[in-house]
Amino acid sequence: MDNPTCAMTATPAKRKPVLHQLITDIIIFAPVASFPACVIDIVLSPPHGWARSLMFAFTALLFAIVGTKLRTLGISLGFHRQGTHPSYQTFGWLRAIFFMLGCSTAQGKMINWVSDHHHHHIHSDEDEDLHSPKHGFWHAYVGWLRGLLFDRFTYPQFEKDRMIIFFSNTFFVWLILGFAVPALVGWATGFGWFRGMLYGGGFGIFFANYVTYWVNAGCHSFGKQDFATGDLSTNFWIDGFWGHKLSWIFAYLSWGETNHNNHHARAISANHGMFKGQFDPSANLLRILEKWRLVWNVRWTTQAQARELQHELTLTPEQRKTEALAKHAAKLAAGKPVNA
C-alpha cells in the first residue's frame, strides 16, 4: 500500500459511516458527562456533617485516581512500552493484564492503537502524521480521532501478534468490565455501586483519555527538547512554581509518558525519563518488576548513553560516519573487540 494514511482516515471517496462517527464521538465526549453527573449525585444525596463529607471526598478522589492510574498504566506499560515498542519482555499473564487495563480506557481496538502510534513515529510532524499540531492543536488533541476509519490500515508486525489480536477483538468486554469492577467495589465497600462506577469508571476514563490526548498534542507544542529529533516532540516540563506542579501532575497521571521528546529520540527505551529530575513512574515500576524477575531484557537508557545520543543527533550523516570510523580505529589500536 503506497500511502497507509489514506487507508486510515476518512476521505470524500470513503466517508466514515454515521454510526461509526457517533460511536467515536461518544467515546471521546461522553466521559465529560461525569462532571454534571457528579454534581447531580451530590445535590440529590449530599453527605451530612464534616466527617462524612471528608470521607466522601477522600473516597471519591481515591476511586478517580485509582481508576485513572490503572488505565494509564495499561496504556504506558501495555499498549506503548510493550505492545508498540517491545522495550521489555514479561510473562504472558502480566502482559495480558497490562493489555486488559489499556483496553478499559476506551481508546479503541489495540491493533489500531499500536498501528496509529507506530505510524506517528514514522511520520512524526510530517503531513502523513495522524495527530500533529501542525494541522491545529485541536486536531492533534481529539480532532484526528473523529476522522479515523474503524477498518483502517494496520501494520503486519502487530497483526501477527495473537495476544494483540485477541484483545482487539474483545475490546468491548474489557471496556464494560472497566465500569463493572469499580461499581462492584463501590457496592462492597458501602460507597455505592453508582458512585463507584461514576468515579472509578467515568472519571477514570475521562482523566486517562484526556491525559493521553495531551501527550499527542501538548507534548508536541509545549515544553522543551533535550534531543534534536527533527520533529516538534517535547518533554512537558514547564518552569515556574505552577508550571512545575502541572508538569508533575501530567507525568504522574501518564506514568511518565510526558517525557515525550526523550521517547522520540530512542523509542525502544524502557525509561522515558533519562535525566535527573524527569519523573517516570513506569520506569520506576519496571525496575521493581525486574528485581522481582517478572520482567527481563529491559532496554534501559543510562544518562551517559542519553548524553552520547544527544551529541549524535546534532551531527550530520557525514560527521556521524567520521566519528564511527574513528571509534572503530581506536578500538583496533587498543586491541579491543570491535563489537565491544
Protein backbone atom coordinates (compact mmCIF):
# COMPACT_ATOMS: atom_id res chain seq x y z
CA MET A 1 0.00 0.00 0.00
CA ASP A 2 1.63 3.25 -1.18
CA ASN A 3 0.00 5.62 1.29
CA PRO A 4 -1.28 3.98 4.50
CA THR A 5 -2.57 7.35 5.74
CA CYS A 6 -5.25 7.37 3.04
CA ALA A 7 -6.40 3.98 4.31
CA MET A 8 -6.61 5.27 7.89
CA THR A 9 -8.66 8.45 7.67
CA ALA A 10 -11.99 9.28 6.09
CA THR A 11 -11.86 10.90 2.65
CA PRO A 12 -14.53 12.21 0.24
CA ALA A 13 -14.21 8.90 -1.60
CA LYS A 14 -14.57 6.83 1.57
CA ARG A 15 -16.57 8.66 4.21
CA LYS A 16 -16.80 7.46 7.78
CA PRO A 17 -20.20 5.78 8.40
CA VAL A 18 -22.58 7.88 10.51
CA LEU A 19 -22.88 5.13 13.15
CA HIS A 20 -19.10 4.90 13.46
CA GLN A 21 -18.86 8.68 13.77
CA LEU A 22 -21.46 8.59 16.54
CA ILE A 23 -19.59 5.85 18.40
CA THR A 24 -16.35 7.83 18.08
CA ASP A 25 -17.95 10.99 19.49
CA ILE A 26 -19.49 9.05 22.39
CA ILE A 27 -16.10 7.56 23.28
CA ILE A 28 -14.40 10.98 23.12
CA PHE A 29 -17.01 13.22 24.73
CA ALA A 30 -19.29 11.01 26.88
CA PRO A 31 -16.80 10.88 29.81
CA VAL A 32 -17.26 14.66 30.19
CA ALA A 33 -20.79 13.86 31.45
CA SER A 34 -19.15 12.56 34.65
CA PHE A 35 -18.89 16.16 35.91
CA PRO A 36 -22.60 17.09 35.76
CA ALA A 37 -23.48 13.57 36.96
CA CYS A 38 -21.25 14.15 39.99
CA VAL A 39 -22.98 17.46 40.78
CA ILE A 40 -26.45 15.92 40.45
CA ASP A 41 -25.45 12.98 42.67
CA ILE A 42 -24.16 15.28 45.43
CA VAL A 43 -27.25 17.52 45.24
CA LEU A 44 -29.63 14.57 45.44
CA SER A 45 -27.68 12.63 48.10
CA PRO A 46 -25.40 15.04 49.96
CA PRO A 47 -23.13 13.71 52.72
CA HIS A 48 -24.13 15.12 56.11
CA GLY A 49 -21.58 16.51 58.55
CA TRP A 50 -17.89 17.31 58.21
CA ALA A 51 -16.69 13.80 58.94
CA ARG A 52 -18.90 12.20 56.29
CA SER A 53 -18.13 14.97 53.79
CA LEU A 54 -14.38 14.46 54.21
CA MET A 55 -14.74 10.69 53.97
CA PHE A 56 -16.87 11.06 50.85
CA ALA A 57 -14.35 13.42 49.23
CA PHE A 58 -11.43 11.14 50.09
CA THR A 59 -13.20 8.01 48.78
CA ALA A 60 -14.35 9.72 45.59
CA LEU A 61 -10.82 11.01 44.94
CA LEU A 62 -9.36 7.57 45.62
CA PHE A 63 -11.73 5.90 43.15
CA ALA A 64 -10.93 8.54 40.50
CA ILE A 65 -7.15 8.31 40.97
CA VAL A 66 -7.04 4.52 41.02
CA GLY A 67 -9.41 4.34 38.03
CA THR A 68 -7.20 6.75 36.11
CA LYS A 69 -3.84 5.30 37.10
CA LEU A 70 -4.77 1.69 36.31
CA ARG A 71 -5.94 2.71 32.86
CA THR A 72 -2.89 4.85 32.05
CA LEU A 73 -0.68 2.05 33.37
CA GLY A 74 -2.25 -0.18 30.73
CA ILE A 75 -1.55 2.44 28.07
CA SER A 76 2.02 3.13 29.20
CA LEU A 77 3.41 -0.31 30.06
CA GLY A 78 0.91 -2.23 27.92
CA PHE A 79 -0.05 -0.58 24.65
CA HIS A 80 3.00 1.67 24.44
CA ARG A 81 6.22 0.33 26.01
CA GLN A 82 5.40 -3.32 25.34
CA GLY A 83 2.84 -3.54 22.54
CA THR A 84 4.16 -0.87 20.16
CA HIS A 85 7.79 -0.68 21.31
CA PRO A 86 8.81 -4.00 22.96
CA SER A 87 11.19 -2.37 25.46
CA TYR A 88 10.96 -5.32 27.86
CA GLN A 89 9.79 -8.92 27.98
CA THR A 90 7.48 -10.47 30.53
CA PHE A 91 5.21 -13.41 31.24
CA GLY A 92 2.10 -13.81 29.12
CA TRP A 93 -0.24 -13.33 32.09
CA LEU A 94 1.34 -10.00 33.09
CA ARG A 95 1.38 -8.80 29.50
CA ALA A 96 -2.31 -9.71 29.30
CA ILE A 97 -3.10 -7.72 32.47
CA PHE A 98 -1.42 -4.62 31.04
CA PHE A 99 -3.27 -5.03 27.73
CA MET A 100 -6.58 -5.57 29.54
CA LEU A 101 -6.09 -2.33 31.52
CA GLY A 102 -5.26 -0.49 28.30
CA CYS A 103 -8.48 -1.72 26.69
CA SER A 104 -10.52 -0.34 29.61
CA THR A 105 -9.59 3.24 28.61
CA ALA A 106 -11.95 3.19 25.59
CA GLN A 107 -9.17 4.30 23.25
CA GLY A 108 -10.25 1.84 20.58
CA LYS A 109 -9.01 -1.53 19.39
CA MET A 110 -5.46 -2.28 20.40
CA ILE A 111 -4.36 -3.23 16.88
CA ASN A 112 -5.43 0.23 15.73
CA TRP A 113 -3.79 1.97 18.70
CA VAL A 114 -0.36 0.39 18.20
CA SER A 115 -0.51 0.85 14.41
CA ASP A 116 -1.51 4.52 14.74
CA HIS A 117 1.35 5.15 17.16
CA HIS A 118 3.88 3.29 15.01
CA HIS A 119 2.72 5.38 12.05
CA HIS A 120 3.15 8.53 14.15
CA HIS A 121 6.81 7.68 14.78
CA ILE A 122 7.48 7.02 11.10
CA HIS A 123 5.94 10.36 10.04
CA SER A 124 6.30 12.49 13.18
CA ASP A 125 5.05 16.03 12.44
CA GLU A 126 5.02 15.42 8.70
CA ASP A 127 1.92 15.71 6.53
CA GLU A 128 1.26 11.97 6.99
CA ASP A 129 1.28 12.26 10.80
CA LEU A 130 -2.20 11.48 12.09
CA HIS A 131 -2.07 13.90 15.04
CA SER A 132 0.49 16.64 14.52
CA PRO A 133 -0.26 20.14 15.93
CA LYS A 134 0.96 21.43 12.56
CA HIS A 135 -2.61 20.69 11.48
CA GLY A 136 -4.01 22.56 14.51
CA PHE A 137 -3.85 21.94 18.25
CA TRP A 138 -7.48 20.78 18.49
CA HIS A 139 -6.86 18.37 15.62
CA ALA A 140 -3.84 16.92 17.45
CA TYR A 141 -5.80 16.71 20.70
CA VAL A 142 -9.02 14.94 19.71
CA GLY A 143 -9.98 16.11 16.22
CA TRP A 144 -7.86 13.48 14.49
CA LEU A 145 -9.80 10.70 16.19
CA ARG A 146 -13.06 11.83 14.57
CA GLY A 147 -11.68 11.23 11.08
CA LEU A 148 -10.25 7.78 11.67
CA LEU A 149 -11.90 4.81 9.99
CA PHE A 150 -12.65 1.81 12.21
CA ASP A 151 -11.47 -0.61 9.50
CA ARG A 152 -8.13 1.01 8.71
CA PHE A 153 -4.57 0.13 7.78
CA THR A 154 -2.68 -1.84 10.40
CA TYR A 155 0.96 -2.88 10.36
CA PRO A 156 1.84 -6.57 9.74
CA GLN A 157 4.09 -6.99 12.79
CA PHE A 158 1.11 -6.31 15.05
CA GLU A 159 -1.30 -8.43 13.02
CA LYS A 160 0.95 -11.43 13.71
CA ASP A 161 0.75 -10.95 17.49
CA ARG A 162 -2.05 -13.25 18.70
CA MET A 163 -2.46 -11.51 22.06
CA ILE A 164 -2.84 -8.08 20.42
CA ILE A 165 -5.48 -9.52 18.07
CA PHE A 166 -7.30 -11.22 20.96
CA PHE A 167 -7.58 -8.02 22.98
CA SER A 168 -8.55 -6.09 19.84
CA ASN A 169 -11.43 -8.47 19.17
CA THR A 170 -12.60 -8.45 22.81
CA PHE A 171 -12.19 -4.68 23.30
CA PHE A 172 -15.76 -4.04 24.49
CA VAL A 173 -15.58 -6.81 27.10
CA TRP A 174 -12.75 -5.05 28.93
CA LEU A 175 -14.39 -1.67 28.47
CA ILE A 176 -17.56 -2.92 30.19
CA LEU A 177 -15.51 -4.53 32.97
CA GLY A 178 -13.83 -1.15 33.46
CA PHE A 179 -17.22 0.10 34.69
CA ALA A 180 -18.44 -3.09 36.34
CA VAL A 181 -15.42 -3.65 38.61
CA PRO A 182 -15.43 -0.20 40.30
CA ALA A 183 -19.22 -0.47 40.61
CA LEU A 184 -18.77 -3.80 42.40
CA VAL A 185 -16.05 -2.37 44.66
CA GLY A 186 -18.26 0.63 45.43
CA TRP A 187 -21.15 -1.65 46.38
CA ALA A 188 -18.93 -3.93 48.51
CA THR A 189 -17.32 -1.02 50.42
CA GLY A 190 -20.57 0.87 51.05
CA PHE A 191 -19.61 3.76 48.78
CA GLY A 192 -22.40 2.74 46.41
CA TRP A 193 -22.34 0.95 43.08
CA PHE A 194 -23.32 4.07 41.11
CA ARG A 195 -20.67 6.23 42.73
CA GLY A 196 -18.08 3.51 42.24
CA MET A 197 -18.95 3.35 38.56
CA LEU A 198 -19.07 7.17 38.28
CA TYR A 199 -15.75 7.98 39.94
CA GLY A 200 -13.79 4.81 39.19
CA GLY A 201 -15.26 4.34 35.71
CA GLY A 202 -16.45 7.67 34.31
CA PHE A 203 -13.82 9.94 35.84
CA GLY A 204 -11.17 7.24 35.39
CA ILE A 205 -11.79 7.13 31.64
CA PHE A 206 -12.04 10.92 31.36
CA PHE A 207 -8.69 11.65 33.01
CA ALA A 208 -6.92 8.67 31.42
CA ASN A 209 -8.03 9.63 27.92
CA TYR A 210 -7.55 13.37 28.13
CA VAL A 211 -4.07 12.92 29.64
CA THR A 212 -3.22 10.60 26.74
CA TYR A 213 -4.62 13.12 24.26
CA TRP A 214 -2.38 15.74 25.90
CA VAL A 215 0.72 13.65 25.14
CA ASN A 216 -0.25 13.68 21.44
CA ALA A 217 -0.86 17.43 21.31
CA GLY A 218 0.69 19.18 24.30
CA CYS A 219 3.93 17.21 24.10
CA HIS A 220 4.39 18.45 20.54
CA SER A 221 3.58 22.05 21.46
CA PHE A 222 4.81 22.99 24.96
CA GLY A 223 7.91 22.21 26.99
CA LYS A 224 11.48 21.72 25.87
CA GLN A 225 13.57 19.50 23.64
CA ASP A 226 16.51 17.69 25.19
CA PHE A 227 17.20 15.94 21.88
CA ALA A 228 17.37 17.34 18.35
CA THR A 229 14.90 14.80 16.99
CA GLY A 230 13.94 16.87 13.94
CA ASP A 231 10.26 16.98 14.89
CA LEU A 232 8.18 19.01 17.37
CA SER A 233 8.20 16.46 20.21
CA THR A 234 8.85 17.94 23.65
CA ASN A 235 9.35 16.94 27.25
CA PHE A 236 6.46 18.61 29.07
CA TRP A 237 8.40 20.23 31.88
CA ILE A 238 7.36 23.85 32.41
CA ASP A 239 9.36 26.31 34.54
CA GLY A 240 7.89 28.22 37.46
CA PHE A 241 6.03 27.15 40.59
CA TRP A 242 2.71 26.32 38.95
CA GLY A 243 4.36 25.10 35.76
CA HIS A 244 6.36 22.58 37.75
CA LYS A 245 3.28 21.37 39.62
CA LEU A 246 1.25 21.00 36.41
CA SER A 247 4.12 19.14 34.74
CA TRP A 248 4.40 16.76 37.69
CA ILE A 249 0.65 16.03 37.66
CA PHE A 250 0.69 15.14 33.96
CA ALA A 251 3.81 12.98 34.42
CA TYR A 252 2.21 11.25 37.42
CA LEU A 253 -1.11 10.52 35.72
CA SER A 254 0.51 9.41 32.45
CA TRP A 255 3.18 7.24 34.16
CA GLY A 256 5.97 9.39 32.70
CA GLU A 257 4.72 9.48 29.10
CA THR A 258 5.16 13.27 29.05
CA ASN A 259 8.94 12.74 28.66
CA HIS A 260 7.96 12.57 25.02
CA ASN A 261 10.98 14.11 23.29
CA ASN A 262 13.21 11.57 25.04
CA HIS A 263 10.93 8.83 23.75
CA HIS A 264 11.17 10.13 20.18
CA ALA A 265 14.96 10.19 20.48
CA ARG A 266 15.07 6.49 21.41
CA ALA A 267 11.65 4.90 21.00
CA ILE A 268 12.74 1.46 22.19
CA SER A 269 13.95 2.76 25.57
CA ALA A 270 12.05 1.35 28.55
CA ASN A 271 12.70 4.54 30.52
CA HIS A 272 11.43 7.82 29.07
CA GLY A 273 12.88 9.83 31.92
CA MET A 274 16.58 9.83 31.04
CA PHE A 275 17.93 12.80 33.00
CA LYS A 276 17.89 13.82 36.65
CA GLY A 277 14.55 15.22 37.76
CA GLN A 278 12.50 13.66 34.92
CA PHE A 279 9.72 11.79 36.73
CA ASP A 280 8.95 8.42 35.11
CA PRO A 281 6.72 6.15 37.25
CA SER A 282 6.58 3.43 34.56
CA ALA A 283 10.37 3.10 34.63
CA ASN A 284 10.31 3.01 38.44
CA LEU A 285 7.75 0.20 38.39
CA LEU A 286 9.73 -1.70 35.73
CA ARG A 287 12.82 -1.60 37.96
CA ILE A 288 10.81 -3.17 40.77
CA LEU A 289 9.36 -5.81 38.46
CA GLU A 290 12.86 -6.52 37.12
CA LYS A 291 14.15 -7.14 40.66
CA TRP A 292 11.22 -9.50 41.23
CA ARG A 293 12.12 -11.23 37.93
CA LEU A 294 8.70 -10.53 36.47
CA VAL A 295 10.25 -8.64 33.53
CA TRP A 296 13.55 -9.17 31.76
CA ASN A 297 15.61 -7.97 28.78
CA VAL A 298 14.66 -4.42 29.76
CA ARG A 299 16.14 -1.87 27.37
CA TRP A 300 17.36 0.82 29.73
CA THR A 301 18.96 4.07 28.62
CA THR A 302 21.56 5.40 31.05
CA GLN A 303 22.23 9.12 31.40
CA ALA A 304 25.66 8.59 29.79
CA GLN A 305 24.02 6.89 26.80
CA ALA A 306 21.47 9.71 26.61
CA ARG A 307 24.28 12.31 26.56
CA GLU A 308 26.01 10.41 23.76
CA LEU A 309 22.73 10.22 21.83
CA GLN A 310 22.24 13.97 22.29
CA HIS A 311 25.62 14.51 20.65
CA GLU A 312 24.96 12.06 17.81
CA LEU A 313 21.67 13.74 16.89
CA THR A 314 23.44 17.07 16.38
CA LEU A 315 25.82 15.57 13.80
CA THR A 316 25.37 15.45 10.05
CA PRO A 317 25.42 11.98 8.42
CA GLU A 318 28.98 12.64 7.26
CA GLN A 319 30.13 13.67 10.74
CA ARG A 320 28.42 10.63 12.24
CA LYS A 321 30.23 8.34 9.79
CA THR A 322 33.58 10.01 10.54
CA GLU A 323 33.12 9.58 14.30
CA ALA A 324 32.11 5.93 13.90
CA LEU A 325 35.22 5.20 11.83
CA ALA A 326 37.41 6.99 14.40
CA LYS A 327 35.94 4.91 17.25
CA HIS A 328 36.45 1.75 15.21
CA ALA A 329 40.10 2.63 14.55
CA ALA A 330 40.69 3.46 18.24
CA LYS A 331 39.35 0.06 19.30
CA LEU A 332 41.59 -1.73 16.81
CA ALA A 333 44.61 0.23 18.02
CA ALA A 334 43.82 -0.65 21.64
CA GLY A 335 43.35 -4.31 20.78
CA LYS A 336 39.73 -4.30 21.92
CA PRO A 337 36.97 -6.38 20.27
CA VAL A 338 35.30 -4.34 17.52
CA ASN A 339 31.81 -5.00 18.92
CA ALA A 340 32.72 -4.00 22.48
